[in-house]
Amino acid sequence: MARLAKRGEIWMIDLGLAAKIRPCLILSVPFADNERALVSYVPRTTQQRSGRFEVEHNSPQFKPGAFDTQNIGSVPPARLDRFLATVNDHTLEQVEAALAAWLGMKV
């Protein structure tokens, strides 16, 4: 059985023909057998716009970039290609806050 993605991990995900395979931060929690088999993510981009919905992410194993919370998506686990890294709690909290702001959610 393949390794399951966990919240806070960065995985390469096949986002389709136009978007290609990109590094993405997993945001969803594990799904149960009676739930839809989907993994929710925000992609990591190196084409930063420095907007309020981007969370800067710098790590030695990546080019400078950011998580783009305006581009949240979900895919079946079969579209996950490979595990790359895990973000720290502070980065995950920043992404959660930016995503909540983008969606107009009060936290």
N, C-alpha and C. Protein backbone atom coordinates (compact mmCIF):
# COMPACT_ATOMS: atom_id res chain seq x y z
N MET A 1 0.84 -1.19 0.00
CA MET A 1 0.00 0.00 0.00
C MET A 1 0.88 1.25 0.00
N ALA A 2 0.49 2.22 -0.77
CA ALA A 2 1.26 3.47 -0.88
C ALA A 2 1.16 4.29 0.40
N ARG A 3 2.15 5.09 0.64
CA ARG A 3 2.18 5.97 1.80
C ARG A 3 1.10 7.03 1.64
N LEU A 4 0.35 7.29 2.70
CA LEU A 4 -0.70 8.31 2.67
C LEU A 4 -0.13 9.67 3.02
N ALA A 5 -0.59 10.69 2.33
CA ALA A 5 -0.14 12.06 2.60
C ALA A 5 -0.73 12.54 3.92
N LYS A 6 0.05 13.34 4.63
CA LYS A 6 -0.39 13.88 5.91
C LYS A 6 -0.42 15.40 5.84
N ARG A 7 -1.32 15.99 6.62
CA ARG A 7 -1.44 17.44 6.73
C ARG A 7 -0.08 18.03 7.10
N GLY A 8 0.30 19.09 6.37
CA GLY A 8 1.58 19.74 6.63
C GLY A 8 2.73 19.23 5.80
N GLU A 9 2.49 18.22 4.96
CA GLU A 9 3.54 17.70 4.10
C GLU A 9 3.47 18.35 2.72
N ILE A 10 4.61 18.44 2.08
CA ILE A 10 4.68 18.92 0.69
C ILE A 10 4.87 17.69 -0.20
N TRP A 11 3.99 17.57 -1.18
CA TRP A 11 4.04 16.47 -2.14
C TRP A 11 4.05 17.03 -3.56
N MET A 12 4.66 16.31 -4.47
CA MET A 12 4.51 16.61 -5.88
C MET A 12 3.15 16.03 -6.28
N ILE A 13 2.31 16.88 -6.91
CA ILE A 13 0.96 16.47 -7.30
C ILE A 13 0.75 16.77 -8.77
N ASP A 14 0.15 15.81 -9.46
CA ASP A 14 -0.21 15.99 -10.87
C ASP A 14 -1.48 16.83 -10.91
N LEU A 15 -1.34 18.10 -11.31
CA LEU A 15 -2.47 19.03 -11.34
C LEU A 15 -3.12 19.11 -12.71
N GLY A 16 -2.78 18.20 -13.59
CA GLY A 16 -3.39 18.19 -14.91
C GLY A 16 -2.45 18.70 -15.97
N LEU A 17 -2.86 18.59 -17.21
CA LEU A 17 -2.02 18.90 -18.35
C LEU A 17 -1.46 20.31 -18.33
N ALA A 18 -2.30 21.30 -18.08
CA ALA A 18 -1.85 22.70 -18.12
C ALA A 18 -0.98 23.07 -16.92
N ALA A 19 -1.31 22.57 -15.75
CA ALA A 19 -0.59 22.94 -14.53
C ALA A 19 0.62 22.05 -14.25
N LYS A 20 0.69 20.89 -14.88
CA LYS A 20 1.80 19.95 -14.73
C LYS A 20 1.87 19.37 -13.32
N ILE A 21 3.02 18.83 -12.99
CA ILE A 21 3.26 18.30 -11.65
C ILE A 21 3.96 19.37 -10.84
N ARG A 22 3.36 19.72 -9.69
CA ARG A 22 3.88 20.83 -8.89
C ARG A 22 3.96 20.44 -7.42
N PRO A 23 4.86 21.09 -6.66
CA PRO A 23 4.88 20.86 -5.22
C PRO A 23 3.68 21.54 -4.58
N CYS A 24 3.01 20.81 -3.67
CA CYS A 24 1.81 21.33 -3.01
C CYS A 24 1.82 20.96 -1.54
N LEU A 25 1.28 21.84 -0.73
CA LEU A 25 1.16 21.62 0.70
C LEU A 25 -0.18 20.96 0.99
N ILE A 26 -0.15 19.82 1.66
CA ILE A 26 -1.37 19.09 2.01
C ILE A 26 -2.03 19.78 3.20
N LEU A 27 -3.34 20.07 3.07
CA LEU A 27 -4.09 20.74 4.12
C LEU A 27 -5.14 19.86 4.77
N SER A 28 -5.59 18.84 4.06
CA SER A 28 -6.70 18.02 4.56
C SER A 28 -6.22 17.01 5.60
N VAL A 29 -7.20 16.55 6.36
CA VAL A 29 -6.97 15.48 7.34
C VAL A 29 -7.28 14.15 6.65
N PRO A 30 -6.87 13.04 7.23
CA PRO A 30 -7.17 11.74 6.60
C PRO A 30 -8.67 11.51 6.45
N PHE A 31 -9.05 10.88 5.36
CA PHE A 31 -10.46 10.56 5.11
C PHE A 31 -10.76 9.14 5.58
N ALA A 32 -12.01 8.91 5.94
CA ALA A 32 -12.45 7.58 6.38
C ALA A 32 -12.94 6.78 5.17
N ASP A 33 -13.15 5.50 5.37
CA ASP A 33 -13.59 4.62 4.29
C ASP A 33 -14.93 5.04 3.69
N ASN A 34 -15.80 5.65 4.49
CA ASN A 34 -17.13 6.05 4.00
C ASN A 34 -17.15 7.49 3.50
N GLU A 35 -16.00 8.12 3.34
CA GLU A 35 -15.90 9.51 2.86
C GLU A 35 -15.21 9.54 1.49
N ARG A 36 -15.35 10.65 0.81
CA ARG A 36 -14.70 10.80 -0.50
C ARG A 36 -13.18 10.72 -0.33
N ALA A 37 -12.55 9.99 -1.20
CA ALA A 37 -11.10 9.83 -1.17
C ALA A 37 -10.47 11.01 -1.91
N LEU A 38 -10.30 12.12 -1.19
CA LEU A 38 -9.72 13.33 -1.75
C LEU A 38 -8.67 13.90 -0.80
N VAL A 39 -7.70 14.58 -1.38
CA VAL A 39 -6.66 15.27 -0.63
C VAL A 39 -6.71 16.73 -1.05
N SER A 40 -6.83 17.64 -0.09
CA SER A 40 -6.88 19.07 -0.41
C SER A 40 -5.50 19.68 -0.20
N TYR A 41 -5.18 20.66 -1.03
CA TYR A 41 -3.82 21.22 -1.06
C TYR A 41 -3.85 22.69 -1.47
N VAL A 42 -2.72 23.36 -1.25
CA VAL A 42 -2.43 24.64 -1.91
C VAL A 42 -1.08 24.46 -2.60
N PRO A 43 -0.97 24.93 -3.83
CA PRO A 43 0.29 24.77 -4.56
C PRO A 43 1.36 25.74 -4.08
N ARG A 44 2.59 25.33 -4.31
CA ARG A 44 3.74 26.19 -4.05
C ARG A 44 4.16 26.78 -5.39
N THR A 45 4.42 28.07 -5.40
CA THR A 45 4.79 28.75 -6.64
C THR A 45 6.10 29.51 -6.44
N THR A 46 6.84 29.65 -7.53
CA THR A 46 8.03 30.50 -7.51
C THR A 46 7.73 31.83 -8.21
N GLN A 47 6.52 31.96 -8.74
CA GLN A 47 6.08 33.19 -9.41
C GLN A 47 5.29 34.04 -8.40
N GLN A 48 6.00 34.56 -7.42
CA GLN A 48 5.35 35.28 -6.33
C GLN A 48 4.81 36.63 -6.77
N ARG A 49 3.69 37.00 -6.17
CA ARG A 49 3.09 38.32 -6.38
C ARG A 49 3.09 39.12 -5.09
N SER A 50 3.56 38.50 -4.02
CA SER A 50 3.66 39.15 -2.71
C SER A 50 2.33 39.68 -2.20
N GLY A 51 1.25 39.00 -2.54
CA GLY A 51 -0.07 39.38 -2.08
C GLY A 51 -0.35 38.85 -0.69
N ARG A 52 -1.43 39.30 -0.11
CA ARG A 52 -1.77 38.92 1.26
C ARG A 52 -2.22 37.47 1.39
N PHE A 53 -2.48 36.80 0.27
CA PHE A 53 -2.92 35.41 0.31
C PHE A 53 -1.80 34.43 -0.04
N GLU A 54 -0.58 34.94 -0.14
CA GLU A 54 0.59 34.09 -0.35
C GLU A 54 1.39 34.01 0.94
N VAL A 55 1.91 32.84 1.21
CA VAL A 55 2.74 32.63 2.40
C VAL A 55 4.14 32.25 1.91
N GLU A 56 5.09 33.12 2.19
CA GLU A 56 6.46 32.89 1.75
C GLU A 56 6.99 31.60 2.35
N HIS A 57 7.71 30.85 1.52
CA HIS A 57 8.31 29.60 1.97
C HIS A 57 9.71 29.48 1.40
N ASN A 58 10.69 29.52 2.29
CA ASN A 58 12.08 29.37 1.89
C ASN A 58 12.66 28.16 2.62
N SER A 59 13.26 27.30 1.83
CA SER A 59 13.85 26.07 2.35
C SER A 59 15.01 25.71 1.43
N PRO A 60 16.09 25.17 1.99
CA PRO A 60 17.25 24.84 1.15
C PRO A 60 16.93 23.89 -0.01
N GLN A 61 15.92 23.06 0.14
CA GLN A 61 15.65 22.09 -0.93
C GLN A 61 14.75 22.64 -2.03
N PHE A 62 14.29 23.89 -1.89
CA PHE A 62 13.40 24.50 -2.89
C PHE A 62 13.95 25.85 -3.33
N LYS A 63 13.57 26.26 -4.53
CA LYS A 63 13.82 27.64 -4.96
C LYS A 63 12.95 28.54 -4.08
N PRO A 64 13.32 29.82 -3.89
CA PRO A 64 12.45 30.71 -3.13
C PRO A 64 11.04 30.72 -3.72
N GLY A 65 10.03 30.71 -2.86
CA GLY A 65 8.66 30.64 -3.34
C GLY A 65 7.66 30.93 -2.26
N ALA A 66 6.40 30.60 -2.56
CA ALA A 66 5.30 30.85 -1.62
C ALA A 66 4.18 29.85 -1.86
N PHE A 67 3.37 29.65 -0.83
CA PHE A 67 2.15 28.86 -0.97
C PHE A 67 1.03 29.81 -1.36
N ASP A 68 0.33 29.48 -2.44
CA ASP A 68 -0.71 30.32 -3.01
C ASP A 68 -2.09 29.85 -2.53
N THR A 69 -2.60 30.48 -1.45
CA THR A 69 -3.86 30.01 -0.87
C THR A 69 -5.07 30.38 -1.71
N GLN A 70 -4.91 31.22 -2.72
CA GLN A 70 -6.03 31.51 -3.63
C GLN A 70 -6.27 30.35 -4.60
N ASN A 71 -5.39 29.40 -4.61
CA ASN A 71 -5.44 28.32 -5.59
C ASN A 71 -5.68 26.96 -4.91
N ILE A 72 -6.50 26.93 -3.87
CA ILE A 72 -6.78 25.68 -3.16
C ILE A 72 -7.47 24.69 -4.10
N GLY A 73 -7.15 23.42 -3.92
CA GLY A 73 -7.77 22.39 -4.75
C GLY A 73 -7.81 21.05 -4.04
N SER A 74 -8.46 20.09 -4.67
CA SER A 74 -8.53 18.73 -4.15
C SER A 74 -8.33 17.75 -5.30
N VAL A 75 -7.65 16.66 -5.01
CA VAL A 75 -7.40 15.62 -6.00
C VAL A 75 -7.53 14.25 -5.32
N PRO A 76 -7.77 13.21 -6.10
CA PRO A 76 -7.72 11.86 -5.52
C PRO A 76 -6.27 11.52 -5.18
N PRO A 77 -6.06 10.69 -4.18
CA PRO A 77 -4.69 10.33 -3.77
C PRO A 77 -3.83 9.76 -4.90
N ALA A 78 -4.44 9.17 -5.90
CA ALA A 78 -3.66 8.61 -7.02
C ALA A 78 -2.88 9.68 -7.78
N ARG A 79 -3.27 10.94 -7.65
CA ARG A 79 -2.58 12.04 -8.35
C ARG A 79 -1.34 12.53 -7.59
N LEU A 80 -1.15 12.03 -6.36
CA LEU A 80 0.05 12.40 -5.61
C LEU A 80 1.22 11.58 -6.13
N ASP A 81 2.29 12.26 -6.49
CA ASP A 81 3.44 11.61 -7.10
C ASP A 81 4.45 11.15 -6.06
N ARG A 82 4.96 12.10 -5.25
CA ARG A 82 5.95 11.72 -4.24
C ARG A 82 6.06 12.76 -3.14
N PHE A 83 6.42 12.28 -1.96
CA PHE A 83 6.63 13.12 -0.79
C PHE A 83 7.93 13.89 -0.95
N LEU A 84 7.92 15.17 -0.55
CA LEU A 84 9.13 15.99 -0.63
C LEU A 84 9.64 16.44 0.72
N ALA A 85 8.75 16.94 1.58
CA ALA A 85 9.19 17.55 2.84
C ALA A 85 7.98 17.78 3.75
N THR A 86 8.25 18.26 4.94
CA THR A 86 7.22 18.66 5.89
C THR A 86 7.50 20.10 6.31
N VAL A 87 6.45 20.93 6.37
CA VAL A 87 6.64 22.31 6.83
C VAL A 87 6.56 22.35 8.35
N ASN A 88 7.11 23.41 8.94
CA ASN A 88 7.02 23.55 10.39
C ASN A 88 5.64 24.08 10.79
N ASP A 89 5.33 24.00 12.06
CA ASP A 89 4.02 24.42 12.56
C ASP A 89 3.72 25.89 12.26
N HIS A 90 4.73 26.74 12.36
CA HIS A 90 4.53 28.18 12.10
C HIS A 90 4.09 28.42 10.66
N THR A 91 4.73 27.76 9.71
CA THR A 91 4.35 27.91 8.30
C THR A 91 2.94 27.41 8.06
N LEU A 92 2.59 26.26 8.63
CA LEU A 92 1.24 25.72 8.47
C LEU A 92 0.21 26.69 9.06
N GLU A 93 0.50 27.28 10.20
CA GLU A 93 -0.42 28.26 10.81
C GLU A 93 -0.58 29.49 9.91
N GLN A 94 0.51 29.94 9.29
CA GLN A 94 0.43 31.09 8.37
C GLN A 94 -0.43 30.76 7.16
N VAL A 95 -0.28 29.56 6.63
CA VAL A 95 -1.09 29.14 5.48
C VAL A 95 -2.56 29.06 5.89
N GLU A 96 -2.84 28.50 7.06
CA GLU A 96 -4.22 28.43 7.55
C GLU A 96 -4.83 29.83 7.67
N ALA A 97 -4.07 30.78 8.21
CA ALA A 97 -4.57 32.15 8.39
C ALA A 97 -4.82 32.81 7.03
N ALA A 98 -3.91 32.64 6.08
CA ALA A 98 -4.08 33.24 4.75
C ALA A 98 -5.27 32.62 4.03
N LEU A 99 -5.45 31.32 4.18
CA LEU A 99 -6.58 30.63 3.56
C LEU A 99 -7.91 31.10 4.19
N ALA A 100 -7.94 31.25 5.50
CA ALA A 100 -9.13 31.73 6.18
C ALA A 100 -9.47 33.15 5.70
N ALA A 101 -8.46 33.99 5.54
CA ALA A 101 -8.68 35.34 5.05
C ALA A 101 -9.23 35.32 3.63
N TRP A 102 -8.66 34.48 2.76
CA TRP A 102 -9.11 34.37 1.38
C TRP A 102 -10.57 33.93 1.31
N LEU A 103 -10.97 33.01 2.19
CA LEU A 103 -12.32 32.48 2.17
C LEU A 103 -13.29 33.29 3.05
N GLY A 104 -12.78 34.33 3.70
CA GLY A 104 -13.63 35.18 4.53
C GLY A 104 -14.09 34.47 5.80
N MET A 105 -13.30 33.53 6.28
CA MET A 105 -13.67 32.78 7.47
C MET A 105 -13.07 33.46 8.70
N LYS A 106 -13.84 33.49 9.76
CA LYS A 106 -13.34 34.05 11.02
C LYS A 106 -12.78 32.92 11.85
N VAL A 107 -11.56 33.12 12.32
CA VAL A 107 -10.92 32.08 13.14
C VAL A 107 -10.58 32.61 14.51
